[in-house]
C-alpha atoms as a PDB file:
ATOM      1  CA  MET A   1     201.287  35.099  73.627  1.00  0.00           C
ATOM      2  CA  ASN A   2     201.980  37.371  76.576  1.00  0.00           C
ATOM      3  CA  VAL A   3     199.187  38.664  78.776  1.00  0.00           C
ATOM      4  CA  THR A   4     199.229  42.450  78.850  1.00  0.00           C
ATOM      5  CA  LYS A   5     198.455  44.804  81.691  1.00  0.00           C
ATOM      6  CA  GLN A   6     195.373  45.979  79.794  1.00  0.00           C
ATOM      7  CA  GLN A   7     194.135  42.396  79.618  1.00  0.00           C
ATOM      8  CA  ILE A   8     194.496  42.098  83.389  1.00  0.00           C
ATOM      9  CA  LEU A   9     192.433  45.269  83.798  1.00  0.00           C
ATOM     10  CA  ASP A  10     189.880  43.945  81.298  1.00  0.00           C
ATOM     11  CA  TRP A  11     189.753  40.663  83.214  1.00  0.00           C
ATOM     12  CA  LEU A  12     188.958  42.439  86.469  1.00  0.00           C
ATOM     13  CA  GLN A  13     186.212  44.367  84.720  1.00  0.00           C
ATOM     14  CA  ALA A  14     184.860  41.096  83.317  1.00  0.00           C
ATOM     15  CA  VAL A  15     184.996  39.464  86.753  1.00  0.00           C
ATOM     16  CA  THR A  16     182.939  42.316  88.177  1.00  0.00           C
ATOM     17  CA  GLN A  17     180.346  41.862  85.453  1.00  0.00           C
ATOM     18  CA  THR A  18     180.098  38.086  85.770  1.00  0.00           C
ATOM     19  CA  ILE A  19     179.878  38.213  89.578  1.00  0.00           C
ATOM     20  CA  SER A  20     177.137  40.818  89.272  1.00  0.00           C
ATOM     21  CA  GLU A  21     175.251  38.685  86.751  1.00  0.00           C
ATOM     22  CA  ASN A  22     175.578  35.594  88.971  1.00  0.00           C
ATOM     23  CA  LYS A  23     175.114  37.332  92.332  1.00  0.00           C
ATOM     24  CA  ASP A  24     171.715  35.776  92.991  1.00  0.00           C
ATOM     25  CA  TYR A  25     172.851  32.325  91.843  1.00  0.00           C
ATOM     26  CA  LEU A  26     175.904  32.401  94.124  1.00  0.00           C
ATOM     27  CA  THR A  27     173.796  33.599  97.021  1.00  0.00           C
ATOM     28  CA  GLU A  28     171.273  30.823  96.360  1.00  0.00           C
ATOM     29  CA  LEU A  29     174.049  28.229  96.477  1.00  0.00           C
ATOM     30  CA  ASP A  30     175.300  29.744  99.714  1.00  0.00           C
ATOM     31  CA  ALA A  31     171.801  29.763 101.214  1.00  0.00           C
ATOM     32  CA  ALA A  32     171.782  25.968 101.118  1.00  0.00           C
ATOM     33  CA  ILE A  33     175.004  25.447 103.084  1.00  0.00           C
ATOM     34  CA  GLY A  34     176.225  28.828 104.285  1.00  0.00           C
ATOM     35  CA  ASP A  35     175.143  32.316 105.309  1.00  0.00           C
ATOM     36  CA  ALA A  36     173.312  33.201 102.069  1.00  0.00           C
ATOM     37  CA  ASP A  37     175.616  36.119 101.348  1.00  0.00           C
ATOM     38  CA  HIS A  38     178.414  34.863  99.069  1.00  0.00           C
ATOM     39  CA  GLY A  39     177.152  36.494  95.889  1.00  0.00           C
ATOM     40  CA  ILE A  40     176.092  39.677  97.653  1.00  0.00           C
ATOM     41  CA  ASN A  41     179.440  40.067  99.394  1.00  0.00           C
ATOM     42  CA  LEU A  42     181.563  39.355  96.333  1.00  0.00           C
ATOM     43  CA  ASP A  43     179.501  41.688  94.195  1.00  0.00           C
ATOM     44  CA  ARG A  44     179.920  44.473  96.733  1.00  0.00           C
ATOM     45  CA  GLY A  45     183.668  43.940  96.790  1.00  0.00           C
ATOM     46  CA  PHE A  46     184.238  43.929  93.044  1.00  0.00           C
ATOM     47  CA  GLN A  47     181.922  46.896  92.560  1.00  0.00           C
ATOM     48  CA  LYS A  48     184.403  48.805  94.721  1.00  0.00           C
ATOM     49  CA  VAL A  49     187.293  47.557  92.567  1.00  0.00           C
ATOM     50  CA  VAL A  50     185.905  48.952  89.304  1.00  0.00           C
ATOM     51  CA  PRO A  51     186.203  52.691  90.089  1.00  0.00           C
ATOM     52  CA  GLN A  52     189.897  52.177  90.815  1.00  0.00           C
ATOM     53  CA  LEU A  53     190.769  50.489  87.525  1.00  0.00           C
ATOM     54  CA  SER A  54     191.169  53.704  85.538  1.00  0.00           C
ATOM     55  CA  GLN A  55     193.568  54.990  88.187  1.00  0.00           C
ATOM     56  CA  LEU A  56     195.623  51.811  87.943  1.00  0.00           C
ATOM     57  CA  GLU A  57     196.318  52.000  84.210  1.00  0.00           C
ATOM     58  CA  THR A  58     199.815  53.411  84.816  1.00  0.00           C
ATOM     59  CA  LYS A  59     200.657  50.896  87.538  1.00  0.00           C
ATOM     60  CA  ASP A  60     202.351  47.531  87.101  1.00  0.00           C
ATOM     61  CA  ILE A  61     200.383  44.287  87.280  1.00  0.00           C
ATOM     62  CA  GLY A  62     201.615  43.495  90.769  1.00  0.00           C
ATOM     63  CA  THR A  63     200.337  46.826  92.069  1.00  0.00           C
ATOM     64  CA  ILE A  64     197.000  46.340  90.308  1.00  0.00           C
ATOM     65  CA  LEU A  65     196.449  42.948  91.932  1.00  0.00           C
ATOM     66  CA  LYS A  66     197.578  44.197  95.345  1.00  0.00           C
ATOM     67  CA  THR A  67     195.029  47.006  95.126  1.00  0.00           C
ATOM     68  CA  VAL A  68     192.319  44.470  94.298  1.00  0.00           C
ATOM     69  CA  SER A  69     193.421  42.421  97.297  1.00  0.00           C
ATOM     70  CA  MET A  70     193.229  45.313  99.736  1.00  0.00           C
ATOM     71  CA  THR A  71     189.847  46.362  98.372  1.00  0.00           C
ATOM     72  CA  LEU A  72     188.321  42.901  98.720  1.00  0.00           C
ATOM     73  CA  ILE A  73     189.693  42.390 102.215  1.00  0.00           C
ATOM     74  CA  SER A  74     188.187  45.675 103.389  1.00  0.00           C
ATOM     75  CA  ALA A  75     184.869  45.434 101.509  1.00  0.00           C
ATOM     76  CA  VAL A  76     183.880  41.750 101.482  1.00  0.00           C
ATOM     77  CA  GLY A  77     182.445  40.139 104.582  1.00  0.00           C
ATOM     78  CA  GLY A  78     182.638  36.559 105.750  1.00  0.00           C
ATOM     79  CA  ALA A  79     185.414  34.219 104.668  1.00  0.00           C
ATOM     80  CA  SER A  80     185.340  35.322 101.025  1.00  0.00           C
ATOM     81  CA  GLY A  81     187.069  38.652 101.607  1.00  0.00           C
ATOM     82  CA  PRO A  82     190.145  37.304 103.381  1.00  0.00           C
ATOM     83  CA  LEU A  83     190.429  34.295 101.060  1.00  0.00           C
ATOM     84  CA  TYR A  84     190.072  36.116  97.749  1.00  0.00           C
ATOM     85  CA  GLY A  85     192.053  39.005  99.185  1.00  0.00           C
ATOM     86  CA  THR A  86     194.875  36.607 100.001  1.00  0.00           C
ATOM     87  CA  PHE A  87     194.631  35.026  96.549  1.00  0.00           C
ATOM     88  CA  PHE A  88     195.164  38.362  94.823  1.00  0.00           C
ATOM     89  CA  LEU A  89     197.776  39.497  97.350  1.00  0.00           C
ATOM     90  CA  ARG A  90     199.937  36.420  96.899  1.00  0.00           C
ATOM     91  CA  ALA A  91     199.386  36.593  93.149  1.00  0.00           C
ATOM     92  CA  SER A  92     200.601  40.192  93.185  1.00  0.00           C
ATOM     93  CA  THR A  93     203.872  39.249  94.855  1.00  0.00           C
ATOM     94  CA  ALA A  94     204.584  36.753  92.077  1.00  0.00           C
ATOM     95  CA  VAL A  95     204.366  39.444  89.377  1.00  0.00           C
ATOM     96  CA  THR A  96     205.768  42.528  91.107  1.00  0.00           C
ATOM     97  CA  GLY A  97     206.869  45.179  88.619  1.00  0.00           C
ATOM     98  CA  LYS A  98     205.559  43.293  85.574  1.00  0.00           C
ATOM     99  CA  GLU A  99     203.957  45.184  82.670  1.00  0.00           C
ATOM    100  CA  GLU A 100     203.006  41.956  80.888  1.00  0.00           C
ATOM    101  CA  LEU A 101     203.141  38.267  81.690  1.00  0.00           C
ATOM    102  CA  THR A 102     204.543  35.273  79.877  1.00  0.00           C
ATOM    103  CA  SER A 103     202.594  32.041  80.140  1.00  0.00           C
ATOM    104  CA  THR A 104     205.038  30.872  82.807  1.00  0.00           C
ATOM    105  CA  GLU A 105     204.565  34.065  84.792  1.00  0.00           C
ATOM    106  CA  LEU A 106     200.780  33.693  84.578  1.00  0.00           C
ATOM    107  CA  ALA A 107     201.201  30.158  85.890  1.00  0.00           C
ATOM    108  CA  ASP A 108     203.297  31.536  88.753  1.00  0.00           C
ATOM    109  CA  LEU A 109     200.543  34.070  89.486  1.00  0.00           C
ATOM    110  CA  LEU A 110     197.864  31.398  89.709  1.00  0.00           C
ATOM    111  CA  GLN A 111     199.956  29.005  91.760  1.00  0.00           C
ATOM    112  CA  ALA A 112     200.984  31.739  94.192  1.00  0.00           C
ATOM    113  CA  GLY A 113     197.340  32.707  94.618  1.00  0.00           C
ATOM    114  CA  VAL A 114     196.344  29.123  95.333  1.00  0.00           C
ATOM    115  CA  ALA A 115     199.186  28.759  97.841  1.00  0.00           C
ATOM    116  CA  GLY A 116     197.859  31.832  99.613  1.00  0.00           C
ATOM    117  CA  VAL A 117     194.353  30.377  99.809  1.00  0.00           C
ATOM    118  CA  ILE A 118     195.723  27.110 101.209  1.00  0.00           C
ATOM    119  CA  GLN A 119     197.742  28.943 103.840  1.00  0.00           C
ATOM    120  CA  ARG A 120     194.893  31.246 104.845  1.00  0.00           C
ATOM    121  CA  GLY A 121     192.044  28.742 104.757  1.00  0.00           C
ATOM    122  CA  LYS A 122     193.938  25.645 105.930  1.00  0.00           C
ATOM    123  CA  ALA A 123     191.898  23.609 103.426  1.00  0.00           C
ATOM    124  CA  ASN A 124     192.772  20.613 101.301  1.00  0.00           C
ATOM    125  CA  LEU A 125     191.403  19.296  98.036  1.00  0.00           C
ATOM    126  CA  GLY A 126     188.123  17.552  98.672  1.00  0.00           C
ATOM    127  CA  ASP A 127     187.145  19.741 101.639  1.00  0.00           C
ATOM    128  CA  LYS A 128     184.364  21.315  99.530  1.00  0.00           C
ATOM    129  CA  THR A 129     185.837  24.799  99.174  1.00  0.00           C
ATOM    130  CA  MET A 130     186.983  27.222  96.468  1.00  0.00           C
ATOM    131  CA  LEU A 131     190.239  25.265  96.438  1.00  0.00           C
ATOM    132  CA  ASP A 132     188.506  22.375  94.666  1.00  0.00           C
ATOM    133  CA  ALA A 133     188.170  24.579  91.576  1.00  0.00           C
ATOM    134  CA  LEU A 134     191.284  26.757  91.918  1.00  0.00           C
ATOM    135  CA  SER A 135     193.911  24.135  92.670  1.00  0.00           C
ATOM    136  CA  PRO A 136     193.367  21.717  89.750  1.00  0.00           C
ATOM    137  CA  ALA A 137     193.076  24.676  87.371  1.00  0.00           C
ATOM    138  CA  ALA A 138     196.377  26.207  88.470  1.00  0.00           C
ATOM    139  CA  THR A 139     198.104  22.834  88.416  1.00  0.00           C
ATOM    140  CA  ILE A 140     197.034  21.824  84.926  1.00  0.00           C
ATOM    141  CA  PHE A 141     197.757  25.296  83.548  1.00  0.00           C
ATOM    142  CA  ALA A 142     201.330  25.160  84.866  1.00  0.00           C
ATOM    143  CA  GLU A 143     201.829  21.620  83.548  1.00  0.00           C
ATOM    144  CA  LEU A 144     200.571  22.452  80.066  1.00  0.00           C
ATOM    145  CA  VAL A 145     202.563  25.672  79.821  1.00  0.00           C
ATOM    146  CA  ALA A 146     205.694  23.745  80.814  1.00  0.00           C
ATOM    147  CA  LYS A 147     204.960  21.360  77.928  1.00  0.00           C
ATOM    148  CA  GLY A 148     204.777  24.237  75.463  1.00  0.00           C
ATOM    149  CA  ASN A 149     201.024  24.718  75.140  1.00  0.00           C
ATOM    150  CA  THR A 150     199.800  28.194  74.300  1.00  0.00           C
ATOM    151  CA  THR A 151     198.290  30.419  76.977  1.00  0.00           C
ATOM    152  CA  VAL A 152     194.815  30.080  75.473  1.00  0.00           C
ATOM    153  CA  ASP A 153     194.961  26.311  75.085  1.00  0.00           C
ATOM    154  CA  ALA A 154     196.309  25.847  78.596  1.00  0.00           C
ATOM    155  CA  LEU A 155     193.683  28.190  80.033  1.00  0.00           C
ATOM    156  CA  GLN A 156     190.897  26.363  78.235  1.00  0.00           C
ATOM    157  CA  GLN A 157     191.887  23.102  79.892  1.00  0.00           C
ATOM    158  CA  ALA A 158     192.450  24.838  83.218  1.00  0.00           C
ATOM    159  CA  VAL A 159     188.926  26.258  83.155  1.00  0.00           C
ATOM    160  CA  GLN A 160     187.568  22.814  82.277  1.00  0.00           C
ATOM    161  CA  ALA A 161     189.428  21.442  85.298  1.00  0.00           C
ATOM    162  CA  ALA A 162     187.931  24.186  87.469  1.00  0.00           C
ATOM    163  CA  GLU A 163     184.453  23.379  86.213  1.00  0.00           C
ATOM    164  CA  THR A 164     184.960  19.680  86.915  1.00  0.00           C
ATOM    165  CA  GLY A 165     186.281  20.444  90.386  1.00  0.00           C
ATOM    166  CA  MET A 166     183.323  22.726  91.044  1.00  0.00           C
ATOM    167  CA  LYS A 167     180.803  20.041  90.069  1.00  0.00           C
ATOM    168  CA  GLN A 168     182.659  17.420  92.089  1.00  0.00           C
ATOM    169  CA  THR A 169     181.943  19.404  95.257  1.00  0.00           C
ATOM    170  CA  ILE A 170     178.249  18.469  95.004  1.00  0.00           C
ATOM    171  CA  PRO A 171     178.480  14.993  96.636  1.00  0.00           C
ATOM    172  CA  LEU A 172     181.165  16.023  99.126  1.00  0.00           C
ATOM    173  CA  VAL A 173     180.738  16.614 102.836  1.00  0.00           C
ATOM    174  CA  ALA A 174     182.088  20.058 103.729  1.00  0.00           C
ATOM    175  CA  LEU A 175     185.073  19.954 106.071  1.00  0.00           C
ATOM    176  CA  LYS A 176     185.823  23.682 106.244  1.00  0.00           C
ATOM    177  CA  GLY A 177     183.903  26.891 106.699  1.00  0.00           C
ATOM    178  CA  ARG A 178     180.295  27.523 107.632  1.00  0.00           C
ATOM    179  CA  ALA A 179     179.131  24.546 105.551  1.00  0.00           C
ATOM    180  CA  SER A 180     181.139  22.150 107.731  1.00  0.00           C
ATOM    181  CA  TYR A 181     178.694  22.779 110.587  1.00  0.00           C
ATOM    182  CA  LEU A 182     176.057  20.918 108.580  1.00  0.00           C
ATOM    183  CA  GLY A 183     178.049  17.702 108.370  1.00  0.00           C
ATOM    184  CA  GLU A 184     176.429  15.221 105.978  1.00  0.00           C
ATOM    185  CA  ARG A 185     173.610  17.672 105.274  1.00  0.00           C
ATOM    186  CA  SER A 186     176.101  19.620 103.145  1.00  0.00           C
ATOM    187  CA  MET A 187     176.088  16.736 100.648  1.00  0.00           C
ATOM    188  CA  GLY A 188     174.179  17.310  97.434  1.00  0.00           C
ATOM    189  CA  HIS A 189     174.992  21.013  97.206  1.00  0.00           C
ATOM    190  CA  GLN A 190     177.522  22.735  94.952  1.00  0.00           C
ATOM    191  CA  ASP A 191     180.036  24.821  96.843  1.00  0.00           C
ATOM    192  CA  PRO A 192     179.531  28.565  96.231  1.00  0.00           C
ATOM    193  CA  GLY A 193     183.230  29.381  96.641  1.00  0.00           C
ATOM    194  CA  ALA A 194     184.244  26.798  94.049  1.00  0.00           C
ATOM    195  CA  THR A 195     181.572  28.248  91.774  1.00  0.00           C
ATOM    196  CA  SER A 196     182.780  31.832  92.060  1.00  0.00           C
ATOM    197  CA  SER A 197     186.362  30.649  91.531  1.00  0.00           C
ATOM    198  CA  TYR A 198     185.307  28.902  88.328  1.00  0.00           C
ATOM    199  CA  LEU A 199     183.531  32.056  87.149  1.00  0.00           C
ATOM    200  CA  ILE A 200     186.615  34.185  87.844  1.00  0.00           C
ATOM    201  CA  LEU A 201     188.875  31.841  85.869  1.00  0.00           C
ATOM    202  CA  LYS A 202     186.327  31.597  83.068  1.00  0.00           C
ATOM    203  CA  ALA A 203     186.314  35.400  82.837  1.00  0.00           C
ATOM    204  CA  LEU A 204     190.112  35.332  82.440  1.00  0.00           C
ATOM    205  CA  LEU A 205     189.855  32.808  79.604  1.00  0.00           C
ATOM    206  CA  GLU A 206     187.121  34.786  77.858  1.00  0.00           C
ATOM    207  CA  THR A 207     189.101  38.019  78.140  1.00  0.00           C
ATOM    208  CA  ILE A 208     192.267  36.543  76.674  1.00  0.00           C
ATOM    209  CA  THR A 209     190.422  34.527  74.023  1.00  0.00           C
ATOM    210  CA  SER A 210     188.502  37.600  72.894  1.00  0.00           C
ATOM    211  CA  ASP A 211     191.703  39.612  72.509  1.00  0.00           C
ATOM    212  CA  SER A 212     193.420  36.721  70.732  1.00  0.00           C
ATOM    213  CA  LYS A 213     190.617  36.489  68.166  1.00  0.00           C
ATOM    214  CA  ALA A 214     190.663  40.260  67.664  1.00  0.00           C
ATOM    215  CA  ASN A 215     194.413  40.212  67.073  1.00  0.00           C
ATOM    216  CA  LYS A 216     194.071  37.457  64.466  1.00  0.00           C
ATOM    217  CA  MET A 217     191.363  39.415  62.664  1.00  0.00           C
ATOM    218  CA  ASN A 218     193.659  42.425  62.631  1.00  0.00           C
ATOM    219  CA  GLY A 219     196.624  40.423  61.413  1.00  0.00           C
ATOM    220  CA  VAL A 220     198.544  40.691  64.682  1.00  0.00           C
ATOM    221  CA  LYS A 221     200.553  37.635  65.596  1.00  0.00           C
END
């Protein structure tokens, strides 16, 4: 099953909604080990993305994601703007000119985004950052797609990997970002960036799963 341009637009709308719904939770997580603004900043950024979506309906997926990138970089403060902006920017370069994505192309999108985050943030797995959710998700998705799994099945396991990675940040000592200033005091707290990354991937799964179920009900293969 290919991922359509409309599904990408629907995903971005869903991300905006889920970030808005979890704004206070993300900010609470950030209050424990950061600047207490992660949810507020991300919500502000994606709220600025939404008005542009209707204008992007005629654009290719690469252009859509690049527009999201530029918007987040300009609107989101702290480290989140540059990091998520880089994720979407690098993702956009992997799917330039595409009107829909095969499972392999979606895997390329995710892996390119993760590579951008690594390059921009200079973080590694286990540093207690958004990478702890994003990286295992992108890796397992690519592996499963290469083995012939469907997009939905591969995404389900990728989101599970992101959730596991997110929860595994709780006992870690932060080695990057504002939380690293706390040293061992950062232990016992779930990383807000890993949490928002999980929510973003979960929104992608829910968008594609919803459309897949609708297609089956309508007899579309």
